[in-house]
Amino acid sequence: MEVKVMRNVLEMNDAVAAKNEELFRSRRVFVLNLMGSPGSGKTSLLEYTLEALKDEMRLAVIEGDLFTTKDAERIERHGVPVIQINTAGGCHLDAPMVEEALASLDLDALDLLVIENVGNLVCPAEFELGQDRKAVVLSITEGDDKPLKYPLMFKEADIALLNKIDLLPYTDFDMESAVGDIRTIHPGIEVLPVACRTGEGLQAWLDWLRQQVRRKREAV
């Protein structure tokens, strides 16, 4: 019975996600679902991204969190529209939550919408939101064993960012092992070692986003 209930929940979610996806397609807005565990650096990555791109494209953010508006307040400082979703304990965003938030955004005035999901390496991977691509951020301080412990997240993601590489000398994180595990789980996935604090490796991330936005805008 529990399996059937879960299947029904996912089917209902996927139906709304399909509506969201069609809306994004019709407006030609590229939508990124940004995932990762608490403390991985998702919001720091987002802040860096907004500062780098806000003068060349039109941006907005949907910010998911259990409680508080602290991350949304950080985003607001960059002069970008942001909608806060509090899940009141829920471990992920779902498509209906995103659909409701979209009522407060002018999609015709956007090129890129980033949905920062709730910090979690499990639940967000299972719930489609209607996004074009999924990105996962893993901090090297979490350990190189995480991809194999949470394989669905890395299987579902289109790009993986290994963050805080400036701290590599102070950890026993095995970069080669982690990258190998991620590409075993998801052959061909883009894996970028980055450091949000120093900016190392982030040009490749920005170029990847620019390419995705350009493709969406040029799609028929």
N, C-alpha and C. Protein backbone atom coordinates (compact mmCIF):
# COMPACT_ATOMS: atom_id res chain seq x y z
N MET A 1 0.83 -1.21 0.00
CA MET A 1 0.00 0.00 0.00
C MET A 1 0.87 1.26 0.00
N GLU A 2 1.95 1.22 0.79
CA GLU A 2 2.82 2.40 0.85
C GLU A 2 3.44 2.69 -0.50
N VAL A 3 3.82 1.63 -1.24
CA VAL A 3 4.41 1.82 -2.56
C VAL A 3 3.39 2.45 -3.50
N LYS A 4 2.14 1.99 -3.45
CA LYS A 4 1.10 2.53 -4.30
C LYS A 4 0.84 4.00 -4.00
N VAL A 5 0.80 4.35 -2.71
CA VAL A 5 0.58 5.75 -2.32
C VAL A 5 1.71 6.63 -2.84
N MET A 6 2.95 6.16 -2.71
CA MET A 6 4.10 6.93 -3.19
C MET A 6 4.03 7.11 -4.70
N ARG A 7 3.62 6.06 -5.41
CA ARG A 7 3.51 6.14 -6.86
C ARG A 7 2.46 7.18 -7.25
N ASN A 8 1.34 7.19 -6.53
CA ASN A 8 0.28 8.16 -6.82
C ASN A 8 0.76 9.58 -6.58
N VAL A 9 1.51 9.79 -5.50
CA VAL A 9 2.04 11.12 -5.20
C VAL A 9 2.96 11.59 -6.31
N LEU A 10 3.85 10.70 -6.76
CA LEU A 10 4.78 11.06 -7.81
C LEU A 10 4.06 11.31 -9.14
N GLU A 11 3.04 10.52 -9.42
CA GLU A 11 2.28 10.71 -10.66
C GLU A 11 1.56 12.06 -10.66
N MET A 12 0.98 12.43 -9.53
CA MET A 12 0.30 13.72 -9.44
C MET A 12 1.31 14.86 -9.56
N ASN A 13 2.47 14.68 -8.94
CA ASN A 13 3.51 15.70 -9.03
C ASN A 13 3.99 15.84 -10.47
N ASP A 14 4.20 14.71 -11.15
CA ASP A 14 4.70 14.75 -12.52
C ASP A 14 3.72 15.44 -13.46
N ALA A 15 2.43 15.30 -13.19
CA ALA A 15 1.42 15.96 -14.03
C ALA A 15 1.55 17.47 -13.94
N VAL A 16 1.75 17.99 -12.73
CA VAL A 16 1.93 19.43 -12.56
C VAL A 16 3.29 19.86 -13.12
N ALA A 17 4.30 19.03 -12.93
CA ALA A 17 5.63 19.34 -13.47
C ALA A 17 5.57 19.49 -14.99
N ALA A 18 4.77 18.65 -15.64
CA ALA A 18 4.63 18.75 -17.09
C ALA A 18 3.99 20.08 -17.49
N LYS A 19 3.03 20.55 -16.71
CA LYS A 19 2.42 21.86 -16.96
C LYS A 19 3.45 22.97 -16.79
N ASN A 20 4.25 22.87 -15.72
CA ASN A 20 5.30 23.87 -15.51
C ASN A 20 6.28 23.87 -16.68
N GLU A 21 6.68 22.67 -17.10
CA GLU A 21 7.64 22.56 -18.19
C GLU A 21 7.11 23.19 -19.47
N GLU A 22 5.86 22.96 -19.76
CA GLU A 22 5.26 23.55 -20.96
C GLU A 22 5.21 25.07 -20.86
N LEU A 23 4.91 25.57 -19.67
CA LEU A 23 4.90 27.02 -19.47
C LEU A 23 6.28 27.60 -19.70
N PHE A 24 7.30 26.96 -19.15
CA PHE A 24 8.67 27.44 -19.34
C PHE A 24 9.07 27.36 -20.82
N ARG A 25 8.64 26.29 -21.50
CA ARG A 25 8.96 26.15 -22.92
C ARG A 25 8.33 27.27 -23.73
N SER A 26 7.06 27.56 -23.44
CA SER A 26 6.36 28.59 -24.20
C SER A 26 6.96 29.97 -23.99
N ARG A 27 7.55 30.20 -22.82
CA ARG A 27 8.18 31.49 -22.52
C ARG A 27 9.67 31.49 -22.85
N ARG A 28 10.18 30.31 -23.19
CA ARG A 28 11.61 30.13 -23.51
C ARG A 28 12.51 30.59 -22.36
N VAL A 29 12.11 30.23 -21.17
CA VAL A 29 12.91 30.51 -19.97
C VAL A 29 13.66 29.24 -19.59
N PHE A 30 14.97 29.34 -19.44
CA PHE A 30 15.75 28.19 -18.98
C PHE A 30 15.62 28.10 -17.46
N VAL A 31 15.27 26.90 -16.98
CA VAL A 31 15.01 26.70 -15.56
C VAL A 31 15.96 25.64 -15.01
N LEU A 32 16.66 26.00 -13.94
CA LEU A 32 17.62 25.11 -13.30
C LEU A 32 17.14 24.74 -11.91
N ASN A 33 17.14 23.46 -11.62
CA ASN A 33 16.85 22.94 -10.28
C ASN A 33 18.18 22.71 -9.58
N LEU A 34 18.51 23.55 -8.60
CA LEU A 34 19.80 23.51 -7.92
C LEU A 34 19.66 22.74 -6.61
N MET A 35 20.37 21.63 -6.49
CA MET A 35 20.22 20.73 -5.36
C MET A 35 21.55 20.50 -4.65
N GLY A 36 21.47 19.95 -3.45
CA GLY A 36 22.65 19.64 -2.65
C GLY A 36 22.30 19.64 -1.19
N SER A 37 23.18 19.11 -0.38
CA SER A 37 22.90 19.02 1.05
C SER A 37 23.10 20.36 1.75
N PRO A 38 22.60 20.51 2.97
CA PRO A 38 22.82 21.77 3.71
C PRO A 38 24.32 22.02 3.89
N GLY A 39 24.74 23.24 3.63
CA GLY A 39 26.15 23.59 3.82
C GLY A 39 27.05 23.26 2.64
N SER A 40 26.47 22.75 1.56
CA SER A 40 27.30 22.40 0.40
C SER A 40 27.77 23.64 -0.35
N GLY A 41 27.04 24.75 -0.18
CA GLY A 41 27.43 25.99 -0.85
C GLY A 41 26.49 26.38 -1.97
N LYS A 42 25.27 25.85 -1.96
CA LYS A 42 24.31 26.18 -3.02
C LYS A 42 24.04 27.68 -3.10
N THR A 43 23.76 28.28 -1.95
CA THR A 43 23.41 29.70 -1.95
C THR A 43 24.62 30.57 -2.31
N SER A 44 25.79 30.19 -1.84
CA SER A 44 27.00 30.92 -2.21
C SER A 44 27.25 30.83 -3.71
N LEU A 45 27.05 29.64 -4.28
CA LEU A 45 27.18 29.49 -5.73
C LEU A 45 26.16 30.36 -6.45
N LEU A 46 24.96 30.38 -5.93
CA LEU A 46 23.90 31.18 -6.55
C LEU A 46 24.24 32.66 -6.49
N GLU A 47 24.74 33.13 -5.35
CA GLU A 47 25.11 34.54 -5.23
C GLU A 47 26.21 34.91 -6.24
N TYR A 48 27.21 34.06 -6.36
CA TYR A 48 28.29 34.30 -7.32
C TYR A 48 27.73 34.36 -8.74
N THR A 49 26.83 33.44 -9.04
CA THR A 49 26.24 33.36 -10.37
C THR A 49 25.42 34.61 -10.70
N LEU A 50 24.62 35.05 -9.75
CA LEU A 50 23.79 36.23 -9.97
C LEU A 50 24.65 37.46 -10.22
N GLU A 51 25.68 37.64 -9.43
CA GLU A 51 26.55 38.80 -9.61
C GLU A 51 27.23 38.78 -10.97
N ALA A 52 27.60 37.57 -11.43
CA ALA A 52 28.33 37.46 -12.68
C ALA A 52 27.44 37.64 -13.90
N LEU A 53 26.16 37.26 -13.79
CA LEU A 53 25.30 37.22 -14.96
C LEU A 53 24.19 38.26 -15.00
N LYS A 54 23.96 38.97 -13.91
CA LYS A 54 22.77 39.83 -13.85
C LYS A 54 22.80 41.00 -14.83
N ASP A 55 23.98 41.36 -15.34
CA ASP A 55 24.05 42.45 -16.31
C ASP A 55 23.95 41.95 -17.75
N GLU A 56 23.93 40.63 -17.95
CA GLU A 56 23.85 40.11 -19.32
C GLU A 56 22.61 39.28 -19.59
N MET A 57 21.86 38.94 -18.55
CA MET A 57 20.60 38.23 -18.76
C MET A 57 19.63 38.53 -17.62
N ARG A 58 18.37 38.23 -17.86
CA ARG A 58 17.31 38.52 -16.89
C ARG A 58 17.10 37.30 -16.00
N LEU A 59 17.24 37.52 -14.69
CA LEU A 59 17.31 36.42 -13.73
C LEU A 59 16.22 36.51 -12.67
N ALA A 60 15.85 35.37 -12.13
CA ALA A 60 14.98 35.31 -10.95
C ALA A 60 15.28 34.01 -10.21
N VAL A 61 14.87 33.97 -8.95
CA VAL A 61 15.17 32.82 -8.09
C VAL A 61 13.92 32.42 -7.32
N ILE A 62 13.67 31.12 -7.25
CA ILE A 62 12.71 30.56 -6.30
C ILE A 62 13.54 29.86 -5.23
N GLU A 63 13.36 30.29 -4.01
CA GLU A 63 14.21 29.84 -2.91
C GLU A 63 13.43 28.89 -2.00
N GLY A 64 13.87 27.63 -1.92
CA GLY A 64 13.21 26.65 -1.07
C GLY A 64 13.97 26.43 0.23
N ASP A 65 13.24 26.39 1.33
CA ASP A 65 13.86 26.14 2.62
C ASP A 65 12.82 25.59 3.57
N LEU A 66 13.28 24.93 4.62
CA LEU A 66 12.36 24.39 5.62
C LEU A 66 11.63 25.51 6.34
N PHE A 67 12.41 26.44 6.88
CA PHE A 67 11.89 27.58 7.62
C PHE A 67 12.77 28.79 7.31
N THR A 68 12.39 29.95 7.75
CA THR A 68 13.11 31.23 7.64
C THR A 68 13.22 31.72 6.20
N THR A 69 13.62 32.98 6.07
CA THR A 69 13.83 33.60 4.77
C THR A 69 15.27 34.06 4.61
N LYS A 70 16.17 33.48 5.39
CA LYS A 70 17.56 33.95 5.41
C LYS A 70 18.22 33.87 4.04
N ASP A 71 18.03 32.76 3.32
CA ASP A 71 18.67 32.64 2.01
C ASP A 71 18.05 33.59 1.00
N ALA A 72 16.73 33.75 1.07
CA ALA A 72 16.06 34.69 0.15
C ALA A 72 16.56 36.12 0.39
N GLU A 73 16.81 36.46 1.65
CA GLU A 73 17.32 37.79 1.97
C GLU A 73 18.71 37.99 1.37
N ARG A 74 19.51 36.93 1.36
CA ARG A 74 20.83 37.02 0.73
C ARG A 74 20.70 37.27 -0.77
N ILE A 75 19.74 36.59 -1.40
CA ILE A 75 19.54 36.75 -2.84
C ILE A 75 19.04 38.15 -3.17
N GLU A 76 18.14 38.68 -2.35
CA GLU A 76 17.56 40.00 -2.59
C GLU A 76 18.62 41.08 -2.68
N ARG A 77 19.71 40.92 -1.96
CA ARG A 77 20.78 41.92 -1.95
C ARG A 77 21.41 42.09 -3.33
N HIS A 78 21.21 41.13 -4.20
CA HIS A 78 21.80 41.19 -5.54
C HIS A 78 20.85 41.82 -6.56
N GLY A 79 19.72 42.31 -6.09
CA GLY A 79 18.79 43.02 -6.96
C GLY A 79 18.07 42.13 -7.94
N VAL A 80 17.86 40.88 -7.57
CA VAL A 80 17.20 39.90 -8.44
C VAL A 80 15.88 39.49 -7.80
N PRO A 81 14.79 39.38 -8.57
CA PRO A 81 13.52 38.94 -7.98
C PRO A 81 13.66 37.55 -7.34
N VAL A 82 13.10 37.40 -6.16
CA VAL A 82 13.20 36.12 -5.46
C VAL A 82 11.88 35.81 -4.77
N ILE A 83 11.43 34.58 -4.89
CA ILE A 83 10.22 34.10 -4.24
C ILE A 83 10.62 33.03 -3.24
N GLN A 84 10.22 33.20 -1.99
CA GLN A 84 10.56 32.24 -0.94
C GLN A 84 9.44 31.20 -0.81
N ILE A 85 9.84 29.92 -0.77
CA ILE A 85 8.92 28.84 -0.44
C ILE A 85 9.42 28.17 0.83
N ASN A 86 8.62 28.19 1.87
CA ASN A 86 8.95 27.46 3.10
C ASN A 86 8.12 26.17 3.14
N THR A 87 8.79 25.05 3.29
CA THR A 87 8.10 23.76 3.26
C THR A 87 7.63 23.31 4.63
N ALA A 88 7.93 24.08 5.68
CA ALA A 88 7.49 23.76 7.05
C ALA A 88 7.88 22.34 7.45
N GLY A 89 9.10 21.98 7.13
CA GLY A 89 9.60 20.66 7.51
C GLY A 89 9.72 19.69 6.37
N GLY A 90 9.08 19.98 5.23
CA GLY A 90 9.19 19.10 4.06
C GLY A 90 10.61 19.10 3.52
N CYS A 91 11.07 17.92 3.08
CA CYS A 91 12.48 17.76 2.71
C CYS A 91 12.78 18.11 1.27
N HIS A 92 11.80 18.63 0.52
CA HIS A 92 12.02 18.94 -0.88
C HIS A 92 10.92 19.87 -1.38
N LEU A 93 11.18 20.53 -2.49
CA LEU A 93 10.14 21.24 -3.22
C LEU A 93 9.42 20.26 -4.12
N ASP A 94 8.17 20.58 -4.46
CA ASP A 94 7.46 19.78 -5.44
C ASP A 94 6.88 20.70 -6.51
N ALA A 95 6.35 20.09 -7.56
CA ALA A 95 5.86 20.87 -8.71
C ALA A 95 4.72 21.81 -8.35
N PRO A 96 3.73 21.38 -7.53
CA PRO A 96 2.66 22.32 -7.17
C PRO A 96 3.17 23.55 -6.41
N MET A 97 4.18 23.38 -5.55
CA MET A 97 4.76 24.53 -4.86
C MET A 97 5.35 25.52 -5.86
N VAL A 98 6.06 24.99 -6.84
CA VAL A 98 6.67 25.84 -7.86
C VAL A 98 5.58 26.51 -8.70
N GLU A 99 4.56 25.76 -9.07
CA GLU A 99 3.45 26.32 -9.85
C GLU A 99 2.83 27.51 -9.12
N GLU A 100 2.63 27.39 -7.83
CA GLU A 100 2.05 28.49 -7.06
C GLU A 100 2.98 29.70 -7.03
N ALA A 101 4.28 29.45 -6.89
CA ALA A 101 5.25 30.55 -6.84
C ALA A 101 5.32 31.29 -8.17
N LEU A 102 5.09 30.59 -9.26
CA LEU A 102 5.20 31.20 -10.59
C LEU A 102 4.18 32.32 -10.79
N ALA A 103 3.10 32.29 -10.04
CA ALA A 103 2.08 33.34 -10.16
C ALA A 103 2.64 34.71 -9.78
N SER A 104 3.76 34.71 -9.05
CA SER A 104 4.37 35.98 -8.61
C SER A 104 5.54 36.40 -9.49
N LEU A 105 5.78 35.69 -10.60
CA LEU A 105 6.89 36.01 -11.49
C LEU A 105 6.39 36.31 -12.90
N ASP A 106 7.04 37.27 -13.55
CA ASP A 106 6.74 37.58 -14.94
C ASP A 106 7.73 36.79 -15.81
N LEU A 107 7.31 35.62 -16.26
CA LEU A 107 8.21 34.76 -17.03
C LEU A 107 8.63 35.38 -18.35
N ASP A 108 7.80 36.26 -18.90
CA ASP A 108 8.15 36.92 -20.15
C ASP A 108 9.34 37.86 -19.99
N ALA A 109 9.65 38.18 -18.75
CA ALA A 109 10.75 39.11 -18.48
C ALA A 109 12.00 38.37 -17.99
N LEU A 110 12.06 37.04 -18.22
CA LEU A 110 13.17 36.25 -17.70
C LEU A 110 13.87 35.45 -18.79
N ASP A 111 15.17 35.25 -18.59
CA ASP A 111 15.96 34.32 -19.39
C ASP A 111 16.32 33.08 -18.59
N LEU A 112 16.59 33.27 -17.30
CA LEU A 112 17.05 32.19 -16.43
C LEU A 112 16.33 32.25 -15.09
N LEU A 113 15.73 31.13 -14.71
CA LEU A 113 15.10 30.98 -13.41
C LEU A 113 15.82 29.86 -12.67
N VAL A 114 16.37 30.17 -11.51
CA VAL A 114 17.02 29.15 -10.68
C VAL A 114 16.12 28.80 -9.51
N ILE A 115 15.85 27.52 -9.34
CA ILE A 115 15.08 27.04 -8.20
C ILE A 115 16.06 26.38 -7.25
N GLU A 116 16.33 27.03 -6.13
CA GLU A 116 17.22 26.42 -5.14
C GLU A 116 16.38 25.52 -4.24
N ASN A 117 16.61 24.24 -4.36
CA ASN A 117 15.82 23.26 -3.63
C ASN A 117 16.23 23.19 -2.16
N VAL A 118 15.43 22.52 -1.36
CA VAL A 118 15.73 22.32 0.05
C VAL A 118 17.01 21.49 0.17
N GLY A 119 17.84 21.81 1.15
CA GLY A 119 19.09 21.09 1.35
C GLY A 119 18.87 19.64 1.72
N ASN A 120 19.19 18.74 0.77
CA ASN A 120 18.94 17.31 0.98
C ASN A 120 19.51 16.57 -0.22
N LEU A 121 20.16 15.44 0.00
CA LEU A 121 20.70 14.65 -1.10
C LEU A 121 19.80 13.48 -1.49
N VAL A 122 18.60 13.42 -0.91
CA VAL A 122 17.71 12.28 -1.18
C VAL A 122 16.44 12.74 -1.91
N CYS A 123 15.52 13.33 -1.17
CA CYS A 123 14.17 13.60 -1.68
C CYS A 123 14.11 14.48 -2.94
N PRO A 124 14.87 15.57 -3.04
CA PRO A 124 14.73 16.43 -4.22
C PRO A 124 14.98 15.71 -5.54
N ALA A 125 15.78 14.64 -5.52
CA ALA A 125 16.08 13.92 -6.75
C ALA A 125 14.86 13.22 -7.32
N GLU A 126 13.87 12.93 -6.49
CA GLU A 126 12.71 12.14 -6.92
C GLU A 126 11.57 12.99 -7.47
N PHE A 127 11.56 14.29 -7.19
CA PHE A 127 10.42 15.12 -7.53
C PHE A 127 10.77 16.09 -8.66
N GLU A 128 10.16 15.87 -9.82
CA GLU A 128 10.33 16.77 -10.94
C GLU A 128 9.59 18.08 -10.67
N LEU A 129 10.19 19.17 -11.14
CA LEU A 129 9.58 20.49 -10.95
C LEU A 129 9.17 21.13 -12.27
N GLY A 130 9.60 20.53 -13.38
CA GLY A 130 9.37 21.13 -14.69
C GLY A 130 10.61 21.80 -15.24
N GLN A 131 11.73 21.62 -14.54
CA GLN A 131 12.99 22.27 -14.91
C GLN A 131 13.56 21.71 -16.21
N ASP A 132 14.50 22.47 -16.79
CA ASP A 132 15.24 21.99 -17.95
C ASP A 132 16.42 21.12 -17.55
N ARG A 133 17.13 21.53 -16.52
CA ARG A 133 18.31 20.81 -16.07
C ARG A 133 18.36 20.79 -14.54
N LYS A 134 19.09 19.79 -14.03
CA LYS A 134 19.32 19.67 -12.59
C LYS A 134 20.82 19.77 -12.33
N ALA A 135 21.18 20.52 -11.30
CA ALA A 135 22.58 20.61 -10.88
C ALA A 135 22.67 20.18 -9.42
N VAL A 136 23.73 19.46 -9.08
CA VAL A 136 23.95 19.08 -7.69
C VAL A 136 25.29 19.66 -7.24
N VAL A 137 25.29 20.20 -6.03
CA VAL A 137 26.51 20.74 -5.43
C VAL A 137 26.91 19.84 -4.28
N LEU A 138 28.15 19.37 -4.30
CA LEU A 138 28.71 18.55 -3.23
C LEU A 138 29.95 19.24 -2.69
N SER A 139 29.95 19.51 -1.40
CA SER A 139 31.14 20.09 -0.78
C SER A 139 32.14 18.98 -0.49
N ILE A 140 33.41 19.24 -0.75
CA ILE A 140 34.42 18.22 -0.47
C ILE A 140 34.50 17.90 1.02
N THR A 141 34.01 18.81 1.86
CA THR A 141 34.02 18.54 3.30
C THR A 141 32.99 17.47 3.69
N GLU A 142 32.10 17.12 2.75
CA GLU A 142 31.12 16.07 3.02
C GLU A 142 31.70 14.67 2.84
N GLY A 143 32.83 14.57 2.14
CA GLY A 143 33.46 13.28 1.92
C GLY A 143 33.25 12.75 0.52
N ASP A 144 34.26 12.00 0.03
CA ASP A 144 34.19 11.49 -1.35
C ASP A 144 33.31 10.26 -1.48
N ASP A 145 32.75 9.78 -0.36
CA ASP A 145 31.88 8.60 -0.41
C ASP A 145 30.43 8.94 -0.74
N LYS A 146 30.07 10.22 -0.76
CA LYS A 146 28.67 10.61 -0.90
C LYS A 146 28.03 10.21 -2.23
N PRO A 147 28.73 10.29 -3.37
CA PRO A 147 28.07 9.87 -4.61
C PRO A 147 27.55 8.43 -4.56
N LEU A 148 28.32 7.51 -4.00
CA LEU A 148 27.87 6.13 -3.94
C LEU A 148 26.80 5.93 -2.86
N LYS A 149 26.79 6.79 -1.84
CA LYS A 149 25.77 6.69 -0.80
C LYS A 149 24.43 7.25 -1.27
N TYR A 150 24.49 8.23 -2.18
CA TYR A 150 23.28 8.88 -2.68
C TYR A 150 23.28 8.86 -4.21
N PRO A 151 23.27 7.68 -4.81
CA PRO A 151 23.47 7.58 -6.26
C PRO A 151 22.35 8.22 -7.09
N LEU A 152 21.10 8.18 -6.60
CA LEU A 152 20.01 8.72 -7.41
C LEU A 152 20.22 10.20 -7.70
N MET A 153 20.70 10.94 -6.72
CA MET A 153 20.94 12.37 -6.92
C MET A 153 21.90 12.61 -8.07
N PHE A 154 22.98 11.84 -8.11
CA PHE A 154 24.00 12.05 -9.14
C PHE A 154 23.58 11.43 -10.48
N LYS A 155 22.72 10.43 -10.43
CA LYS A 155 22.16 9.88 -11.66
C LYS A 155 21.21 10.86 -12.32
N GLU A 156 20.43 11.58 -11.50
CA GLU A 156 19.44 12.51 -12.02
C GLU A 156 20.04 13.84 -12.45
N ALA A 157 21.15 14.24 -11.86
CA ALA A 157 21.73 15.55 -12.14
C ALA A 157 22.36 15.59 -13.54
N ASP A 158 22.31 16.76 -14.16
CA ASP A 158 22.95 16.97 -15.46
C ASP A 158 24.36 17.52 -15.32
N ILE A 159 24.65 18.11 -14.17
CA ILE A 159 25.98 18.63 -13.90
C ILE A 159 26.22 18.56 -12.40
N ALA A 160 27.45 18.22 -12.01
CA ALA A 160 27.82 18.13 -10.60
C ALA A 160 28.97 19.08 -10.32
N LEU A 161 28.81 19.86 -9.27
CA LEU A 161 29.87 20.79 -8.87
C LEU A 161 30.46 20.32 -7.55
N LEU A 162 31.76 20.08 -7.54
CA LEU A 162 32.46 19.69 -6.32
C LEU A 162 33.05 20.95 -5.73
N ASN A 163 32.39 21.47 -4.71
CA ASN A 163 32.67 22.80 -4.18
C ASN A 163 33.67 22.76 -3.02
N LYS A 164 34.23 23.94 -2.77
CA LYS A 164 35.19 24.17 -1.68
C LYS A 164 36.53 23.47 -1.91
N ILE A 165 36.97 23.44 -3.18
CA ILE A 165 38.24 22.78 -3.46
C ILE A 165 39.42 23.55 -2.87
N ASP A 166 39.16 24.79 -2.45
CA ASP A 166 40.22 25.54 -1.76
C ASP A 166 40.56 24.90 -0.42
N LEU A 167 39.68 24.03 0.08
CA LEU A 167 39.93 23.34 1.35
C LEU A 167 40.55 21.96 1.17
N LEU A 168 40.83 21.57 -0.07
CA LEU A 168 41.38 20.24 -0.32
C LEU A 168 42.62 19.90 0.53
N PRO A 169 43.55 20.85 0.72
CA PRO A 169 44.74 20.50 1.51
C PRO A 169 44.42 20.14 2.96
N TYR A 170 43.24 20.49 3.41
CA TYR A 170 42.89 20.27 4.83
C TYR A 170 41.92 19.09 5.01
N THR A 171 41.70 18.34 3.93
CA THR A 171 40.79 17.19 3.99
C THR A 171 41.48 15.97 3.39
N ASP A 172 40.83 14.82 3.54
CA ASP A 172 41.32 13.60 2.88
C ASP A 172 40.44 13.24 1.69
N PHE A 173 39.74 14.22 1.15
CA PHE A 173 38.86 14.02 0.00
C PHE A 173 39.66 13.55 -1.20
N ASP A 174 39.24 12.44 -1.82
CA ASP A 174 39.91 11.88 -2.99
C ASP A 174 39.15 12.32 -4.23
N MET A 175 39.65 13.35 -4.90
CA MET A 175 38.97 13.92 -6.05
C MET A 175 38.82 12.89 -7.17
N GLU A 176 39.86 12.16 -7.46
CA GLU A 176 39.81 11.17 -8.54
C GLU A 176 38.75 10.11 -8.26
N SER A 177 38.69 9.66 -7.01
CA SER A 177 37.70 8.65 -6.63
C SER A 177 36.29 9.19 -6.76
N ALA A 178 36.06 10.41 -6.27
CA ALA A 178 34.73 11.01 -6.31
C ALA A 178 34.26 11.20 -7.75
N VAL A 179 35.11 11.75 -8.59
CA VAL A 179 34.75 11.99 -9.99
C VAL A 179 34.49 10.66 -10.69
N GLY A 180 35.32 9.66 -10.40
CA GLY A 180 35.13 8.35 -10.99
C GLY A 180 33.80 7.73 -10.59
N ASP A 181 33.44 7.86 -9.31
CA ASP A 181 32.17 7.31 -8.84
C ASP A 181 30.98 8.02 -9.50
N ILE A 182 31.08 9.35 -9.59
CA ILE A 182 29.98 10.11 -10.20
C ILE A 182 29.79 9.70 -11.65
N ARG A 183 30.88 9.52 -12.38
CA ARG A 183 30.76 9.17 -13.80
C ARG A 183 30.42 7.70 -14.01
N THR A 184 30.65 6.88 -12.99
CA THR A 184 30.16 5.50 -13.05
C THR A 184 28.65 5.48 -12.90
N ILE A 185 28.15 6.30 -11.97
CA ILE A 185 26.71 6.41 -11.75
C ILE A 185 26.02 7.05 -12.95
N HIS A 186 26.68 8.08 -13.51
CA HIS A 186 26.08 8.85 -14.61
C HIS A 186 27.16 9.12 -15.67
N PRO A 187 27.36 8.18 -16.58
CA PRO A 187 28.37 8.38 -17.62
C PRO A 187 28.12 9.64 -18.43
N GLY A 188 29.18 10.40 -18.64
CA GLY A 188 29.09 11.60 -19.46
C GLY A 188 28.67 12.86 -18.74
N ILE A 189 28.34 12.76 -17.45
CA ILE A 189 27.93 13.95 -16.71
C ILE A 189 29.08 14.94 -16.62
N GLU A 190 28.75 16.21 -16.68
CA GLU A 190 29.74 17.28 -16.49
C GLU A 190 30.06 17.37 -15.00
N VAL A 191 31.35 17.31 -14.65
CA VAL A 191 31.78 17.43 -13.26
C VAL A 191 32.77 18.58 -13.17
N LEU A 192 32.45 19.57 -12.34
CA LEU A 192 33.29 20.77 -12.23
C LEU A 192 33.81 20.95 -10.80
N PRO A 193 35.11 20.86 -10.57
CA PRO A 193 35.67 21.24 -9.28
C PRO A 193 35.68 22.77 -9.18
N VAL A 194 35.08 23.31 -8.11
CA VAL A 194 34.96 24.76 -7.97
C VAL A 194 35.20 25.20 -6.54
N ALA A 195 35.39 26.49 -6.38
CA ALA A 195 35.49 27.09 -5.04
C ALA A 195 34.76 28.43 -5.08
N CYS A 196 33.61 28.48 -4.44
CA CYS A 196 32.82 29.73 -4.45
C CYS A 196 33.53 30.86 -3.72
N ARG A 197 34.34 30.52 -2.74
CA ARG A 197 35.02 31.55 -1.96
C ARG A 197 36.10 32.25 -2.77
N THR A 198 36.79 31.51 -3.65
CA THR A 198 37.89 32.09 -4.43
C THR A 198 37.52 32.32 -5.89
N GLY A 199 36.44 31.68 -6.36
CA GLY A 199 36.05 31.80 -7.75
C GLY A 199 36.69 30.77 -8.66
N GLU A 200 37.54 29.92 -8.10
CA GLU A 200 38.24 28.93 -8.91
C GLU A 200 37.25 27.98 -9.60
N GLY A 201 37.43 27.79 -10.89
CA GLY A 201 36.62 26.84 -11.64
C GLY A 201 35.24 27.33 -12.03
N LEU A 202 34.84 28.51 -11.58
CA LEU A 202 33.47 28.94 -11.80
C LEU A 202 33.22 29.53 -13.19
N GLN A 203 34.28 29.86 -13.92
CA GLN A 203 34.07 30.34 -15.29
C GLN A 203 33.43 29.25 -16.15
N ALA A 204 33.86 28.01 -15.93
CA ALA A 204 33.28 26.90 -16.68
C ALA A 204 31.80 26.73 -16.35
N TRP A 205 31.45 26.95 -15.10
CA TRP A 205 30.05 26.89 -14.67
C TRP A 205 29.22 27.98 -15.35
N LEU A 206 29.74 29.19 -15.36
CA LEU A 206 29.03 30.30 -16.00
C LEU A 206 28.88 30.06 -17.50
N ASP A 207 29.90 29.52 -18.13
CA ASP A 207 29.83 29.24 -19.56
C ASP A 207 28.79 28.16 -19.85
N TRP A 208 28.70 27.17 -18.96
CA TRP A 208 27.69 26.11 -19.12
C TRP A 208 26.29 26.70 -19.03
N LEU A 209 26.07 27.59 -18.08
CA LEU A 209 24.77 28.23 -17.94
C LEU A 209 24.44 29.10 -19.16
N ARG A 210 25.40 29.87 -19.61
CA ARG A 210 25.18 30.72 -20.79
C ARG A 210 24.76 29.86 -21.99
N GLN A 211 25.42 28.74 -22.16
CA GLN A 211 25.10 27.86 -23.28
C GLN A 211 23.68 27.31 -23.16
N GLN A 212 23.28 26.92 -21.95
CA GLN A 212 21.94 26.38 -21.73
C GLN A 212 20.87 27.45 -22.00
N VAL A 213 21.11 28.65 -21.51
CA VAL A 213 20.15 29.74 -21.72
C VAL A 213 20.04 30.06 -23.20
N ARG A 214 21.17 30.11 -23.89
CA ARG A 214 21.16 30.43 -25.32
C ARG A 214 20.38 29.37 -26.11
N ARG A 215 20.60 28.12 -25.78
CA ARG A 215 19.88 27.04 -26.48
C ARG A 215 18.37 27.14 -26.26
N LYS A 216 17.98 27.48 -25.03
CA LYS A 216 16.55 27.59 -24.73
C LYS A 216 15.93 28.77 -25.49
N ARG A 217 16.63 29.88 -25.53
CA ARG A 217 16.11 31.06 -26.21
C ARG A 217 15.99 30.83 -27.71
N GLU A 218 16.88 30.00 -28.27
CA GLU A 218 16.89 29.76 -29.71
C GLU A 218 16.00 28.61 -30.13
N ALA A 219 15.45 27.88 -29.14
CA ALA A 219 14.61 26.71 -29.46
C ALA A 219 13.33 27.15 -30.15
N VAL A 220 12.90 26.37 -31.11
CA VAL A 220 11.67 26.69 -31.83
C VAL A 220 10.45 26.24 -31.03
